[in-house]
Amino acid sequence: MLPPELPPLPALTRAEAELIDRYLDVVDLLGRINPGRSGDTYRGLRAAQALVGRAAELRDALTLMHQRGETELHAATLARALRILDGDRRTSRVTVPPDGPS
């Protein structure tokens, strides 16, 4: 049995798609670094090292958008793309986890 088909992504410019991809890359790395979550220091270290390059790519995506005259972020459209790409789950790893049983 095949998994359910995801809804189509909203129409995005290439620069917007790049922004979404690079943003999620950064979020994933921050989730691995999050000291409130279990994991080992080596995993966090590797993620922190990779974060430098990914943050630069995110900056470059935003710079390109600005240079092309895309001066506004269309939040509703970009948020819909983030939801389709599992952004809710991925960004939840960046937050402080709720208190567990004491």
PDB file of N, CA and C in Angstrom:
ATOM      1  N   MET A   1       0.834  -1.172   0.000  1.00  0.00           N
ATOM      2  CA  MET A   1       0.000   0.000   0.000  1.00  0.00           C
ATOM      3  C   MET A   1       0.887   1.246   0.000  1.00  0.00           C
ATOM      4  N   LEU A   2       0.583   2.200  -0.848  1.00  0.00           N
ATOM      5  CA  LEU A   2       1.356   3.435  -0.961  1.00  0.00           C
ATOM      6  C   LEU A   2       0.913   4.435   0.097  1.00  0.00           C
ATOM      7  N   PRO A   3       1.844   5.269   0.574  1.00  0.00           N
ATOM      8  CA  PRO A   3       1.455   6.318   1.519  1.00  0.00           C
ATOM      9  C   PRO A   3       0.562   7.333   0.818  1.00  0.00           C
ATOM     10  N   PRO A   4      -0.239   8.073   1.586  1.00  0.00           N
ATOM     11  CA  PRO A   4      -1.116   9.057   0.945  1.00  0.00           C
ATOM     12  C   PRO A   4      -0.295  10.119   0.224  1.00  0.00           C
ATOM     13  N   GLU A   5      -0.821  10.590  -0.871  1.00  0.00           N
ATOM     14  CA  GLU A   5      -0.122  11.600  -1.656  1.00  0.00           C
ATOM     15  C   GLU A   5      -0.237  12.956  -0.964  1.00  0.00           C
ATOM     16  N   LEU A   6       0.868  13.656  -0.885  1.00  0.00           N
ATOM     17  CA  LEU A   6       0.882  14.977  -0.272  1.00  0.00           C
ATOM     18  C   LEU A   6       0.195  15.975  -1.190  1.00  0.00           C
ATOM     19  N   PRO A   7      -0.400  17.008  -0.611  1.00  0.00           N
ATOM     20  CA  PRO A   7      -0.976  18.048  -1.469  1.00  0.00           C
ATOM     21  C   PRO A   7       0.139  18.749  -2.239  1.00  0.00           C
ATOM     22  N   PRO A   8      -0.174  19.325  -3.373  1.00  0.00           N
ATOM     23  CA  PRO A   8       0.871  20.007  -4.139  1.00  0.00           C
ATOM     24  C   PRO A   8       1.351  21.254  -3.404  1.00  0.00           C
ATOM     25  N   LEU A   9       2.609  21.562  -3.600  1.00  0.00           N
ATOM     26  CA  LEU A   9       3.151  22.796  -3.042  1.00  0.00           C
ATOM     27  C   LEU A   9       2.509  23.985  -3.734  1.00  0.00           C
ATOM     28  N   PRO A  10       2.342  25.089  -3.025  1.00  0.00           N
ATOM     29  CA  PRO A  10       1.838  26.292  -3.690  1.00  0.00           C
ATOM     30  C   PRO A  10       2.869  26.781  -4.698  1.00  0.00           C
ATOM     31  N   ALA A  11       2.425  27.594  -5.623  1.00  0.00           N
ATOM     32  CA  ALA A  11       3.331  28.156  -6.619  1.00  0.00           C
ATOM     33  C   ALA A  11       4.322  29.078  -5.921  1.00  0.00           C
ATOM     34  N   LEU A  12       5.599  28.777  -6.085  1.00  0.00           N
ATOM     35  CA  LEU A  12       6.670  29.560  -5.472  1.00  0.00           C
ATOM     36  C   LEU A  12       7.661  29.968  -6.548  1.00  0.00           C
ATOM     37  N   THR A  13       8.288  31.106  -6.363  1.00  0.00           N
ATOM     38  CA  THR A  13       9.403  31.440  -7.239  1.00  0.00           C
ATOM     39  C   THR A  13      10.566  30.526  -6.861  1.00  0.00           C
ATOM     40  N   ARG A  14      11.554  30.453  -7.719  1.00  0.00           N
ATOM     41  CA  ARG A  14      12.730  29.641  -7.381  1.00  0.00           C
ATOM     42  C   ARG A  14      13.396  30.155  -6.116  1.00  0.00           C
ATOM     43  N   ALA A  15      13.437  31.464  -5.979  1.00  0.00           N
ATOM     44  CA  ALA A  15      14.066  32.055  -4.799  1.00  0.00           C
ATOM     45  C   ALA A  15      13.266  31.718  -3.539  1.00  0.00           C
ATOM     46  N   GLU A  16      11.934  31.737  -3.606  1.00  0.00           N
ATOM     47  CA  GLU A  16      11.113  31.366  -2.453  1.00  0.00           C
ATOM     48  C   GLU A  16      11.306  29.895  -2.095  1.00  0.00           C
ATOM     49  N   ALA A  17      11.369  29.043  -3.104  1.00  0.00           N
ATOM     50  CA  ALA A  17      11.593  27.622  -2.856  1.00  0.00           C
ATOM     51  C   ALA A  17      12.958  27.402  -2.205  1.00  0.00           C
ATOM     52  N   GLU A  18      13.955  28.123  -2.675  1.00  0.00           N
ATOM     53  CA  GLU A  18      15.295  28.029  -2.087  1.00  0.00           C
ATOM     54  C   GLU A  18      15.266  28.515  -0.639  1.00  0.00           C
ATOM     55  N   LEU A  19      14.550  29.603  -0.380  1.00  0.00           N
ATOM     56  CA  LEU A  19      14.419  30.119   0.982  1.00  0.00           C
ATOM     57  C   LEU A  19      13.803  29.067   1.899  1.00  0.00           C
ATOM     58  N   ILE A  20      12.725  28.441   1.468  1.00  0.00           N
ATOM     59  CA  ILE A  20      12.060  27.413   2.277  1.00  0.00           C
ATOM     60  C   ILE A  20      13.017  26.249   2.537  1.00  0.00           C
ATOM     61  N   ASP A  21      13.695  25.780   1.500  1.00  0.00           N
ATOM     62  CA  ASP A  21      14.618  24.651   1.657  1.00  0.00           C
ATOM     63  C   ASP A  21      15.754  24.983   2.621  1.00  0.00           C
ATOM     64  N   ARG A  22      16.356  26.145   2.458  1.00  0.00           N
ATOM     65  CA  ARG A  22      17.474  26.518   3.331  1.00  0.00           C
ATOM     66  C   ARG A  22      17.005  26.765   4.761  1.00  0.00           C
ATOM     67  N   TYR A  23      15.820  27.352   4.928  1.00  0.00           N
ATOM     68  CA  TYR A  23      15.260  27.573   6.266  1.00  0.00           C
ATOM     69  C   TYR A  23      15.061  26.238   6.981  1.00  0.00           C
ATOM     70  N   LEU A  24      14.493  25.264   6.288  1.00  0.00           N
ATOM     71  CA  LEU A  24      14.275  23.957   6.912  1.00  0.00           C
ATOM     72  C   LEU A  24      15.593  23.249   7.208  1.00  0.00           C
ATOM     73  N   ASP A  25      16.603  23.450   6.369  1.00  0.00           N
ATOM     74  CA  ASP A  25      17.930  22.895   6.669  1.00  0.00           C
ATOM     75  C   ASP A  25      18.446  23.438   7.997  1.00  0.00           C
ATOM     76  N   VAL A  26      18.327  24.759   8.183  1.00  0.00           N
ATOM     77  CA  VAL A  26      18.788  25.395   9.418  1.00  0.00           C
ATOM     78  C   VAL A  26      17.980  24.896  10.612  1.00  0.00           C
ATOM     79  N   VAL A  27      16.665  24.793  10.441  1.00  0.00           N
ATOM     80  CA  VAL A  27      15.799  24.314  11.525  1.00  0.00           C
ATOM     81  C   VAL A  27      16.187  22.890  11.934  1.00  0.00           C
ATOM     82  N   ASP A  28      16.420  22.033  10.954  1.00  0.00           N
ATOM     83  CA  ASP A  28      16.809  20.649  11.260  1.00  0.00           C
ATOM     84  C   ASP A  28      18.106  20.607  12.069  1.00  0.00           C
ATOM     85  N   LEU A  29      19.063  21.433  11.690  1.00  0.00           N
ATOM     86  CA  LEU A  29      20.338  21.460  12.422  1.00  0.00           C
ATOM     87  C   LEU A  29      20.146  22.017  13.837  1.00  0.00           C
ATOM     88  N   LEU A  30      19.359  23.062  13.974  1.00  0.00           N
ATOM     89  CA  LEU A  30      19.100  23.607  15.308  1.00  0.00           C
ATOM     90  C   LEU A  30      18.400  22.576  16.189  1.00  0.00           C
ATOM     91  N   GLY A  31      17.533  21.773  15.596  1.00  0.00           N
ATOM     92  CA  GLY A  31      16.871  20.707  16.348  1.00  0.00           C
ATOM     93  C   GLY A  31      17.865  19.692  16.875  1.00  0.00           C
ATOM     94  N   ARG A  32      18.915  19.416  16.123  1.00  0.00           N
ATOM     95  CA  ARG A  32      19.941  18.468  16.572  1.00  0.00           C
ATOM     96  C   ARG A  32      20.836  19.059  17.660  1.00  0.00           C
ATOM     97  N   ILE A  33      20.963  20.381  17.649  1.00  0.00           N
ATOM     98  CA  ILE A  33      21.808  21.060  18.632  1.00  0.00           C
ATOM     99  C   ILE A  33      21.048  21.311  19.934  1.00  0.00           C
ATOM    100  N   ASN A  34      19.741  21.350  19.900  1.00  0.00           N
ATOM    101  CA  ASN A  34      18.903  21.727  21.038  1.00  0.00           C
ATOM    102  C   ASN A  34      19.333  20.989  22.315  1.00  0.00           C
ATOM    103  N   PRO A  35      19.855  21.723  23.316  1.00  0.00           N
ATOM    104  CA  PRO A  35      20.320  21.067  24.533  1.00  0.00           C
ATOM    105  C   PRO A  35      19.182  20.526  25.408  1.00  0.00           C
ATOM    106  N   GLY A  36      17.954  20.913  25.121  1.00  0.00           N
ATOM    107  CA  GLY A  36      16.818  20.402  25.870  1.00  0.00           C
ATOM    108  C   GLY A  36      16.354  19.040  25.391  1.00  0.00           C
ATOM    109  N   ARG A  37      16.963  18.546  24.341  1.00  0.00           N
ATOM    110  CA  ARG A  37      16.608  17.234  23.784  1.00  0.00           C
ATOM    111  C   ARG A  37      17.762  16.271  24.013  1.00  0.00           C
ATOM    112  N   SER A  38      17.436  15.009  24.061  1.00  0.00           N
ATOM    113  CA  SER A  38      18.492  14.022  24.282  1.00  0.00           C
ATOM    114  C   SER A  38      19.373  13.895  23.043  1.00  0.00           C
ATOM    115  N   GLY A  39      20.575  13.484  23.251  1.00  0.00           N
ATOM    116  CA  GLY A  39      21.538  13.319  22.178  1.00  0.00           C
ATOM    117  C   GLY A  39      22.927  13.433  22.765  1.00  0.00           C
ATOM    118  N   ASP A  40      23.914  13.247  21.928  1.00  0.00           N
ATOM    119  CA  ASP A  40      25.278  13.340  22.426  1.00  0.00           C
ATOM    120  C   ASP A  40      25.936  14.624  21.929  1.00  0.00           C
ATOM    121  N   THR A  41      27.025  14.999  22.571  1.00  0.00           N
ATOM    122  CA  THR A  41      27.679  16.255  22.225  1.00  0.00           C
ATOM    123  C   THR A  41      28.306  16.209  20.830  1.00  0.00           C
ATOM    124  N   TYR A  42      28.757  15.048  20.403  1.00  0.00           N
ATOM    125  CA  TYR A  42      29.368  14.964  19.078  1.00  0.00           C
ATOM    126  C   TYR A  42      28.342  15.259  17.991  1.00  0.00           C
ATOM    127  N   ARG A  43      27.140  14.731  18.163  1.00  0.00           N
ATOM    128  CA  ARG A  43      26.068  14.999  17.199  1.00  0.00           C
ATOM    129  C   ARG A  43      25.765  16.494  17.157  1.00  0.00           C
ATOM    130  N   GLY A  44      25.692  17.133  18.335  1.00  0.00           N
ATOM    131  CA  GLY A  44      25.460  18.571  18.394  1.00  0.00           C
ATOM    132  C   GLY A  44      26.590  19.362  17.775  1.00  0.00           C
ATOM    133  N   LEU A  45      27.808  18.927  18.025  1.00  0.00           N
ATOM    134  CA  LEU A  45      28.980  19.596  17.458  1.00  0.00           C
ATOM    135  C   LEU A  45      28.951  19.544  15.937  1.00  0.00           C
ATOM    136  N   ARG A  46      28.683  18.373  15.398  1.00  0.00           N
ATOM    137  CA  ARG A  46      28.626  18.227  13.925  1.00  0.00           C
ATOM    138  C   ARG A  46      27.528  19.105  13.327  1.00  0.00           C
ATOM    139  N   ALA A  47      26.389  19.153  13.997  1.00  0.00           N
ATOM    140  CA  ALA A  47      25.287  19.994  13.515  1.00  0.00           C
ATOM    141  C   ALA A  47      25.667  21.470  13.589  1.00  0.00           C
ATOM    142  N   ALA A  48      26.340  21.876  14.672  1.00  0.00           N
ATOM    143  CA  ALA A  48      26.755  23.274  14.816  1.00  0.00           C
ATOM    144  C   ALA A  48      27.770  23.657  13.738  1.00  0.00           C
ATOM    145  N   GLN A  49      28.663  22.741  13.411  1.00  0.00           N
ATOM    146  CA  GLN A  49      29.634  23.015  12.347  1.00  0.00           C
ATOM    147  C   GLN A  49      28.932  23.181  11.003  1.00  0.00           C
ATOM    148  N   ALA A  50      27.953  22.353  10.741  1.00  0.00           N
ATOM    149  CA  ALA A  50      27.218  22.434   9.476  1.00  0.00           C
ATOM    150  C   ALA A  50      26.326  23.673   9.426  1.00  0.00           C
ATOM    151  N   LEU A  51      25.886  24.133  10.593  1.00  0.00           N
ATOM    152  CA  LEU A  51      24.978  25.274  10.662  1.00  0.00           C
ATOM    153  C   LEU A  51      25.587  26.523  10.036  1.00  0.00           C
ATOM    154  N   VAL A  52      26.878  26.695  10.183  1.00  0.00           N
ATOM    155  CA  VAL A  52      27.547  27.875   9.634  1.00  0.00           C
ATOM    156  C   VAL A  52      27.311  27.964   8.127  1.00  0.00           C
ATOM    157  N   GLY A  53      27.547  26.882   7.436  1.00  0.00           N
ATOM    158  CA  GLY A  53      27.359  26.874   5.987  1.00  0.00           C
ATOM    159  C   GLY A  53      25.906  27.016   5.580  1.00  0.00           C
ATOM    160  N   ARG A  54      25.022  26.352   6.300  1.00  0.00           N
ATOM    161  CA  ARG A  54      23.584  26.421   5.979  1.00  0.00           C
ATOM    162  C   ARG A  54      23.025  27.818   6.231  1.00  0.00           C
ATOM    163  N   ALA A  55      23.510  28.471   7.298  1.00  0.00           N
ATOM    164  CA  ALA A  55      23.065  29.837   7.579  1.00  0.00           C
ATOM    165  C   ALA A  55      23.512  30.781   6.458  1.00  0.00           C
ATOM    166  N   ALA A  56      24.703  30.570   5.937  1.00  0.00           N
ATOM    167  CA  ALA A  56      25.187  31.382   4.821  1.00  0.00           C
ATOM    168  C   ALA A  56      24.327  31.140   3.582  1.00  0.00           C
ATOM    169  N   GLU A  57      23.922  29.900   3.346  1.00  0.00           N
ATOM    170  CA  GLU A  57      23.050  29.599   2.210  1.00  0.00           C
ATOM    171  C   GLU A  57      21.674  30.240   2.388  1.00  0.00           C
ATOM    172  N   LEU A  58      21.170  30.265   3.614  1.00  0.00           N
ATOM    173  CA  LEU A  58      19.904  30.933   3.895  1.00  0.00           C
ATOM    174  C   LEU A  58      20.032  32.427   3.629  1.00  0.00           C
ATOM    175  N   ARG A  59      21.118  33.016   4.100  1.00  0.00           N
ATOM    176  CA  ARG A  59      21.379  34.436   3.835  1.00  0.00           C
ATOM    177  C   ARG A  59      21.437  34.705   2.339  1.00  0.00           C
ATOM    178  N   ASP A  60      22.109  33.832   1.596  1.00  0.00           N
ATOM    179  CA  ASP A  60      22.230  34.013   0.151  1.00  0.00           C
ATOM    180  C   ASP A  60      20.877  33.914  -0.541  1.00  0.00           C
ATOM    181  N   ALA A  61      20.013  33.019  -0.073  1.00  0.00           N
ATOM    182  CA  ALA A  61      18.673  32.897  -0.661  1.00  0.00           C
ATOM    183  C   ALA A  61      17.876  34.177  -0.449  1.00  0.00           C
ATOM    184  N   LEU A  62      17.967  34.742   0.750  1.00  0.00           N
ATOM    185  CA  LEU A  62      17.259  35.996   1.028  1.00  0.00           C
ATOM    186  C   LEU A  62      17.870  37.159   0.240  1.00  0.00           C
ATOM    187  N   THR A  63      19.174  37.167   0.112  1.00  0.00           N
ATOM    188  CA  THR A  63      19.844  38.206  -0.672  1.00  0.00           C
ATOM    189  C   THR A  63      19.390  38.154  -2.122  1.00  0.00           C
ATOM    190  N   LEU A  64      19.329  36.958  -2.680  1.00  0.00           N
ATOM    191  CA  LEU A  64      18.890  36.801  -4.062  1.00  0.00           C
ATOM    192  C   LEU A  64      17.456  37.287  -4.240  1.00  0.00           C
ATOM    193  N   MET A  65      16.587  36.941  -3.310  1.00  0.00           N
ATOM    194  CA  MET A  65      15.203  37.422  -3.390  1.00  0.00           C
ATOM    195  C   MET A  65      15.174  38.945  -3.405  1.00  0.00           C
ATOM    196  N   HIS A  66      15.921  39.552  -2.517  1.00  0.00           N
ATOM    197  CA  HIS A  66      15.937  41.009  -2.423  1.00  0.00           C
ATOM    198  C   HIS A  66      16.483  41.630  -3.711  1.00  0.00           C
ATOM    199  N   GLN A  67      17.554  41.063  -4.246  1.00  0.00           N
ATOM    200  CA  GLN A  67      18.149  41.593  -5.474  1.00  0.00           C
ATOM    201  C   GLN A  67      17.207  41.465  -6.668  1.00  0.00           C
ATOM    202  N   ARG A  68      16.370  40.449  -6.663  1.00  0.00           N
ATOM    203  CA  ARG A  68      15.415  40.242  -7.758  1.00  0.00           C
ATOM    204  C   ARG A  68      14.156  41.086  -7.595  1.00  0.00           C
ATOM    205  N   GLY A  69      14.112  41.860  -6.534  1.00  0.00           N
ATOM    206  CA  GLY A  69      12.943  42.708  -6.318  1.00  0.00           C
ATOM    207  C   GLY A  69      11.836  42.036  -5.539  1.00  0.00           C
ATOM    208  N   GLU A  70      12.098  40.838  -5.029  1.00  0.00           N
ATOM    209  CA  GLU A  70      11.114  40.154  -4.187  1.00  0.00           C
ATOM    210  C   GLU A  70      11.316  40.680  -2.773  1.00  0.00           C
ATOM    211  N   THR A  71      10.727  41.830  -2.491  1.00  0.00           N
ATOM    212  CA  THR A  71      10.990  42.507  -1.228  1.00  0.00           C
ATOM    213  C   THR A  71      10.019  42.128  -0.124  1.00  0.00           C
ATOM    214  N   GLU A  72       8.964  41.424  -0.449  1.00  0.00           N
ATOM    215  CA  GLU A  72       7.997  41.010   0.569  1.00  0.00           C
ATOM    216  C   GLU A  72       7.926  39.492   0.636  1.00  0.00           C
ATOM    217  N   LEU A  73       7.797  38.979   1.867  1.00  0.00           N
ATOM    218  CA  LEU A  73       7.564  37.551   2.057  1.00  0.00           C
ATOM    219  C   LEU A  73       6.054  37.337   2.105  1.00  0.00           C
ATOM    220  N   HIS A  74       5.567  36.453   1.292  1.00  0.00           N
ATOM    221  CA  HIS A  74       4.138  36.130   1.272  1.00  0.00           C
ATOM    222  C   HIS A  74       3.906  35.031   2.302  1.00  0.00           C
ATOM    223  N   ALA A  75       3.678  35.468   3.540  1.00  0.00           N
ATOM    224  CA  ALA A  75       3.669  34.572   4.694  1.00  0.00           C
ATOM    225  C   ALA A  75       2.668  33.435   4.552  1.00  0.00           C
ATOM    226  N   ALA A  76       1.473  33.715   4.091  1.00  0.00           N
ATOM    227  CA  ALA A  76       0.466  32.655   4.004  1.00  0.00           C
ATOM    228  C   ALA A  76       0.903  31.560   3.032  1.00  0.00           C
ATOM    229  N   THR A  77       1.430  31.946   1.900  1.00  0.00           N
ATOM    230  CA  THR A  77       1.883  30.972   0.900  1.00  0.00           C
ATOM    231  C   THR A  77       3.089  30.194   1.411  1.00  0.00           C
ATOM    232  N   LEU A  78       4.039  30.903   2.002  1.00  0.00           N
ATOM    233  CA  LEU A  78       5.237  30.237   2.503  1.00  0.00           C
ATOM    234  C   LEU A  78       4.906  29.328   3.684  1.00  0.00           C
ATOM    235  N   ALA A  79       3.978  29.748   4.541  1.00  0.00           N
ATOM    236  CA  ALA A  79       3.565  28.898   5.663  1.00  0.00           C
ATOM    237  C   ALA A  79       2.893  27.629   5.157  1.00  0.00           C
ATOM    238  N   ARG A  80       2.099  27.742   4.107  1.00  0.00           N
ATOM    239  CA  ARG A  80       1.457  26.544   3.538  1.00  0.00           C
ATOM    240  C   ARG A  80       2.512  25.583   2.998  1.00  0.00           C
ATOM    241  N   ALA A  81       3.537  26.118   2.332  1.00  0.00           N
ATOM    242  CA  ALA A  81       4.631  25.271   1.834  1.00  0.00           C
ATOM    243  C   ALA A  81       5.361  24.603   2.997  1.00  0.00           C
ATOM    244  N   LEU A  82       5.596  25.350   4.074  1.00  0.00           N
ATOM    245  CA  LEU A  82       6.265  24.769   5.249  1.00  0.00           C
ATOM    246  C   LEU A  82       5.449  23.640   5.849  1.00  0.00           C
ATOM    247  N   ARG A  83       4.130  23.817   5.931  1.00  0.00           N
ATOM    248  CA  ARG A  83       3.280  22.752   6.485  1.00  0.00           C
ATOM    249  C   ARG A  83       3.340  21.491   5.624  1.00  0.00           C
ATOM    250  N   ILE A  84       3.304  21.667   4.321  1.00  0.00           N
ATOM    251  CA  ILE A  84       3.351  20.519   3.411  1.00  0.00           C
ATOM    252  C   ILE A  84       4.682  19.787   3.544  1.00  0.00           C
ATOM    253  N   LEU A  85       5.743  20.532   3.805  1.00  0.00           N
ATOM    254  CA  LEU A  85       7.082  19.946   3.937  1.00  0.00           C
ATOM    255  C   LEU A  85       7.395  19.541   5.376  1.00  0.00           C
ATOM    256  N   ASP A  86       6.367  19.355   6.181  1.00  0.00           N
ATOM    257  CA  ASP A  86       6.502  18.858   7.558  1.00  0.00           C
ATOM    258  C   ASP A  86       7.197  19.858   8.470  1.00  0.00           C
ATOM    259  N   GLY A  87       7.024  21.134   8.171  1.00  0.00           N
ATOM    260  CA  GLY A  87       7.656  22.178   8.965  1.00  0.00           C
ATOM    261  C   GLY A  87       7.191  22.213  10.405  1.00  0.00           C
ATOM    262  N   ASP A  88       5.925  21.849  10.672  1.00  0.00           N
ATOM    263  CA  ASP A  88       5.435  21.846  12.060  1.00  0.00           C
ATOM    264  C   ASP A  88       6.256  20.898  12.926  1.00  0.00           C
ATOM    265  N   ARG A  89       6.456  19.694  12.453  1.00  0.00           N
ATOM    266  CA  ARG A  89       7.224  18.706  13.221  1.00  0.00           C
ATOM    267  C   ARG A  89       8.684  19.120  13.323  1.00  0.00           C
ATOM    268  N   ARG A  90       9.233  19.578  12.212  1.00  0.00           N
ATOM    269  CA  ARG A  90      10.650  19.913  12.183  1.00  0.00           C
ATOM    270  C   ARG A  90      10.970  21.102  13.087  1.00  0.00           C
ATOM    271  N   THR A  91      10.114  22.105  13.102  1.00  0.00           N
ATOM    272  CA  THR A  91      10.367  23.261  13.970  1.00  0.00           C
ATOM    273  C   THR A  91      10.084  22.942  15.431  1.00  0.00           C
ATOM    274  N   SER A  92       9.260  21.953  15.712  1.00  0.00           N
ATOM    275  CA  SER A  92       8.968  21.608  17.111  1.00  0.00           C
ATOM    276  C   SER A  92      10.205  21.075  17.831  1.00  0.00           C
ATOM    277  N   ARG A  93      11.165  20.558  17.092  1.00  0.00           N
ATOM    278  CA  ARG A  93      12.398  20.048  17.707  1.00  0.00           C
ATOM    279  C   ARG A  93      13.315  21.148  18.192  1.00  0.00           C
ATOM    280  N   VAL A  94      13.035  22.390  17.760  1.00  0.00           N
ATOM    281  CA  VAL A  94      13.856  23.526  18.163  1.00  0.00           C
ATOM    282  C   VAL A  94      13.392  24.091  19.509  1.00  0.00           C
ATOM    283  N   THR A  95      12.149  23.871  19.868  1.00  0.00           N
ATOM    284  CA  THR A  95      11.597  24.423  21.102  1.00  0.00           C
ATOM    285  C   THR A  95      12.009  23.599  22.309  1.00  0.00           C
ATOM    286  N   VAL A  96      11.809  24.187  23.485  1.00  0.00           N
ATOM    287  CA  VAL A  96      12.081  23.471  24.733  1.00  0.00           C
ATOM    288  C   VAL A  96      10.980  22.439  24.926  1.00  0.00           C
ATOM    289  N   PRO A  97      11.349  21.182  25.153  1.00  0.00           N
ATOM    290  CA  PRO A  97      10.324  20.153  25.319  1.00  0.00           C
ATOM    291  C   PRO A  97       9.515  20.383  26.592  1.00  0.00           C
ATOM    292  N   PRO A  98       8.270  19.914  26.610  1.00  0.00           N
ATOM    293  CA  PRO A  98       7.458  20.076  27.821  1.00  0.00           C
ATOM    294  C   PRO A  98       8.048  19.274  28.974  1.00  0.00           C
ATOM    295  N   ASP A  99       7.680  19.684  30.197  1.00  0.00           N
ATOM    296  CA  ASP A  99       8.132  18.943  31.373  1.00  0.00           C
ATOM    297  C   ASP A  99       7.638  17.517  31.323  1.00  0.00           C
ATOM    298  N   GLY A 100       8.510  16.608  31.658  1.00  0.00           N
ATOM    299  CA  GLY A 100       8.136  15.191  31.748  1.00  0.00           C
ATOM    300  C   GLY A 100       7.765  14.865  33.182  1.00  0.00           C
ATOM    301  N   PRO A 101       7.442  13.609  33.423  1.00  0.00           N
ATOM    302  CA  PRO A 101       7.140  13.215  34.790  1.00  0.00           C
ATOM    303  C   PRO A 101       8.344  13.402  35.701  1.00  0.00           C
ATOM    304  N   SER A 102       8.117  13.915  36.886  1.00  0.00           N
ATOM    305  CA  SER A 102       9.225  14.175  37.835  1.00  0.00           C
ATOM    306  C   SER A 102       9.603  12.937  38.596  1.00  0.00           C
TER     307      SER A 102
END
